[in-house]
């Protein structure tokens, strides 16, 4: 996890083996988990080998991206920041999405 110097934003990047059986089920579980944690999911896009979803909660915004990896694994990033920083993070998120593509 990387946090901004002011401590108000963070980005996580990781890989993991699928725990829900297949990629679509894994993503459905993660989106549901965010919703259950109180996040209002405002964007949810799930093509076959990738997924992006975002939400807001109490002046905060997150954007998550997952792509299908090899050998029943997935690759993720999640960035969370204050709502007032929405425009500043838009370009960063666009570039991250372009670079995180399915590997297998």
C-alpha atoms as a PDB file:
ATOM      1  CA  UNK A   1       0.000   0.000   0.000  1.00  0.00           C
ATOM      2  CA  UNK A   2       1.206   3.474  -0.841  1.00  0.00           C
ATOM      3  CA  UNK A   3      -0.200   6.478   1.001  1.00  0.00           C
ATOM      4  CA  UNK A   4       0.029  10.122   0.033  1.00  0.00           C
ATOM      5  CA  UNK A   5       2.183  12.334   2.268  1.00  0.00           C
ATOM      6  CA  UNK A   6      -0.892  14.032   3.679  1.00  0.00           C
ATOM      7  CA  UNK A   7      -2.387  10.637   4.592  1.00  0.00           C
ATOM      8  CA  UNK A   8      -5.670  11.331   2.793  1.00  0.00           C
ATOM      9  CA  UNK A   9      -5.240   9.012  -0.181  1.00  0.00           C
ATOM     10  CA  UNK A  10      -3.869   5.544  -0.741  1.00  0.00           C
ATOM     11  CA  UNK A  11      -3.300   3.052  -3.506  1.00  0.00           C
ATOM     12  CA  UNK A  12      -3.053  -0.692  -3.194  1.00  0.00           C
ATOM     13  CA  UNK A  13      -1.799  -3.073  -5.887  1.00  0.00           C
ATOM     14  CA  UNK A  14      -1.821  -6.840  -5.395  1.00  0.00           C
ATOM     15  CA  UNK A  15      -2.401 -10.235  -6.915  1.00  0.00           C
ATOM     16  CA  UNK A  16      -4.297 -13.159  -5.447  1.00  0.00           C
ATOM     17  CA  UNK A  17      -5.636 -16.553  -6.326  1.00  0.00           C
ATOM     18  CA  UNK A  18      -9.390 -16.647  -6.876  1.00  0.00           C
ATOM     19  CA  UNK A  19     -11.203 -17.683  -3.716  1.00  0.00           C
ATOM     20  CA  UNK A  20     -14.715 -17.755  -5.194  1.00  0.00           C
ATOM     21  CA  UNK A  21     -14.097 -20.296  -7.936  1.00  0.00           C
ATOM     22  CA  UNK A  22     -14.060 -18.150 -11.071  1.00  0.00           C
ATOM     23  CA  UNK A  23     -13.286 -14.568 -12.024  1.00  0.00           C
ATOM     24  CA  UNK A  24     -16.898 -13.305 -12.363  1.00  0.00           C
ATOM     25  CA  UNK A  25     -17.845 -14.779  -8.973  1.00  0.00           C
ATOM     26  CA  UNK A  26     -14.744 -13.287  -7.366  1.00  0.00           C
ATOM     27  CA  UNK A  27     -15.593  -9.819  -8.659  1.00  0.00           C
ATOM     28  CA  UNK A  28     -19.247 -10.134  -7.622  1.00  0.00           C
ATOM     29  CA  UNK A  29     -18.074 -11.008  -4.092  1.00  0.00           C
ATOM     30  CA  UNK A  30     -15.714  -8.027  -3.953  1.00  0.00           C
ATOM     31  CA  UNK A  31     -18.319  -5.551  -5.216  1.00  0.00           C
ATOM     32  CA  UNK A  32     -20.867  -6.955  -2.755  1.00  0.00           C
ATOM     33  CA  UNK A  33     -18.311  -6.668   0.056  1.00  0.00           C
ATOM     34  CA  UNK A  34     -17.746  -2.984  -0.726  1.00  0.00           C
ATOM     35  CA  UNK A  35     -21.511  -2.365  -0.801  1.00  0.00           C
ATOM     36  CA  UNK A  36     -21.920  -4.214   2.509  1.00  0.00           C
ATOM     37  CA  UNK A  37     -19.188  -2.012   4.009  1.00  0.00           C
ATOM     38  CA  UNK A  38     -21.392   1.007   3.273  1.00  0.00           C
ATOM     39  CA  UNK A  39     -19.929   2.190  -0.018  1.00  0.00           C
ATOM     40  CA  UNK A  40     -22.501   3.433  -2.531  1.00  0.00           C
ATOM     41  CA  UNK A  41     -21.404   1.701  -5.732  1.00  0.00           C
ATOM     42  CA  UNK A  42     -21.663   4.292  -8.496  1.00  0.00           C
ATOM     43  CA  UNK A  43     -19.886   2.466 -11.333  1.00  0.00           C
ATOM     44  CA  UNK A  44     -19.725  -1.252 -12.080  1.00  0.00           C
ATOM     45  CA  UNK A  45     -18.353  -2.525 -15.402  1.00  0.00           C
ATOM     46  CA  UNK A  46     -17.536  -6.208 -15.857  1.00  0.00           C
ATOM     47  CA  UNK A  47     -16.434  -7.392 -19.300  1.00  0.00           C
ATOM     48  CA  UNK A  48     -15.225 -10.997 -19.524  1.00  0.00           C
ATOM     49  CA  UNK A  49     -11.621 -10.766 -18.306  1.00  0.00           C
ATOM     50  CA  UNK A  50     -11.573  -7.481 -16.363  1.00  0.00           C
ATOM     51  CA  UNK A  51     -13.708  -5.432 -14.022  1.00  0.00           C
ATOM     52  CA  UNK A  52     -13.847  -1.880 -12.738  1.00  0.00           C
ATOM     53  CA  UNK A  53     -16.068  -0.534  -9.982  1.00  0.00           C
ATOM     54  CA  UNK A  54     -16.141   2.563  -7.837  1.00  0.00           C
ATOM     55  CA  UNK A  55     -18.104   4.070  -5.026  1.00  0.00           C
ATOM     56  CA  UNK A  56     -18.404   6.812  -2.469  1.00  0.00           C
ATOM     57  CA  UNK A  57     -18.835   6.998   1.276  1.00  0.00           C
ATOM     58  CA  UNK A  58     -18.703   9.999   3.591  1.00  0.00           C
ATOM     59  CA  UNK A  59     -16.649  12.340   1.419  1.00  0.00           C
ATOM     60  CA  UNK A  60     -14.403   9.551   0.116  1.00  0.00           C
ATOM     61  CA  UNK A  61     -14.219   7.891  -3.295  1.00  0.00           C
ATOM     62  CA  UNK A  62     -12.615   4.633  -4.360  1.00  0.00           C
ATOM     63  CA  UNK A  63     -11.902   3.111  -7.749  1.00  0.00           C
ATOM     64  CA  UNK A  64     -11.028  -0.574  -8.076  1.00  0.00           C
ATOM     65  CA  UNK A  65      -9.801  -2.510 -11.099  1.00  0.00           C
ATOM     66  CA  UNK A  66      -9.246  -6.236 -11.462  1.00  0.00           C
ATOM     67  CA  UNK A  67      -8.004  -8.292 -14.375  1.00  0.00           C
ATOM     68  CA  UNK A  68      -7.890 -12.000 -14.886  1.00  0.00           C
ATOM     69  CA  UNK A  69      -4.438 -13.434 -14.378  1.00  0.00           C
ATOM     70  CA  UNK A  70      -2.922 -16.817 -15.136  1.00  0.00           C
ATOM     71  CA  UNK A  71      -3.547 -20.013 -13.183  1.00  0.00           C
ATOM     72  CA  UNK A  72      -6.801 -18.927 -11.500  1.00  0.00           C
ATOM     73  CA  UNK A  73      -5.351 -15.684 -10.207  1.00  0.00           C
ATOM     74  CA  UNK A  74      -6.347 -12.035 -10.484  1.00  0.00           C
ATOM     75  CA  UNK A  75      -4.465  -8.744 -10.415  1.00  0.00           C
ATOM     76  CA  UNK A  76      -5.931  -5.738  -8.614  1.00  0.00           C
ATOM     77  CA  UNK A  77      -5.488  -2.085  -7.849  1.00  0.00           C
ATOM     78  CA  UNK A  78      -7.608   0.094  -5.610  1.00  0.00           C
ATOM     79  CA  UNK A  79      -7.211   3.810  -5.090  1.00  0.00           C
ATOM     80  CA  UNK A  80      -9.081   5.751  -2.410  1.00  0.00           C
ATOM     81  CA  UNK A  81      -9.128   9.516  -1.936  1.00  0.00           C
ATOM     82  CA  UNK A  82     -11.199  12.513  -0.818  1.00  0.00           C
ATOM     83  CA  UNK A  83     -14.109  13.508  -3.068  1.00  0.00           C
ATOM     84  CA  UNK A  84     -12.655  17.004  -3.528  1.00  0.00           C
ATOM     85  CA  UNK A  85      -9.693  15.370  -5.325  1.00  0.00           C
ATOM     86  CA  UNK A  86     -11.890  13.674  -7.953  1.00  0.00           C
ATOM     87  CA  UNK A  87     -10.601  15.662 -10.941  1.00  0.00           C
ATOM     88  CA  UNK A  88      -6.975  15.356  -9.858  1.00  0.00           C
ATOM     89  CA  UNK A  89      -7.191  11.559  -9.730  1.00  0.00           C
ATOM     90  CA  UNK A  90      -9.163  11.109 -12.953  1.00  0.00           C
ATOM     91  CA  UNK A  91      -6.064  11.088 -15.214  1.00  0.00           C
ATOM     92  CA  UNK A  92      -4.135   8.855 -12.833  1.00  0.00           C
ATOM     93  CA  UNK A  93      -6.931   6.291 -12.810  1.00  0.00           C
ATOM     94  CA  UNK A  94      -7.270   6.397 -16.610  1.00  0.00           C
ATOM     95  CA  UNK A  95      -3.565   5.624 -17.004  1.00  0.00           C
ATOM     96  CA  UNK A  96      -3.666   2.828 -14.444  1.00  0.00           C
ATOM     97  CA  UNK A  97      -6.646   1.222 -16.196  1.00  0.00           C
ATOM     98  CA  UNK A  98      -4.784   1.360 -19.515  1.00  0.00           C
ATOM     99  CA  UNK A  99      -1.780  -0.423 -18.050  1.00  0.00           C
ATOM    100  CA  UNK A 100      -3.583  -3.141 -16.069  1.00  0.00           C
ATOM    101  CA  UNK A 101      -4.741  -5.602 -18.708  1.00  0.00           C
ATOM    102  CA  UNK A 102      -5.596  -9.324 -18.528  1.00  0.00           C
ATOM    103  CA  UNK A 103      -2.429 -11.411 -18.706  1.00  0.00           C
ATOM    104  CA  UNK A 104      -3.698 -14.794 -19.899  1.00  0.00           C
END
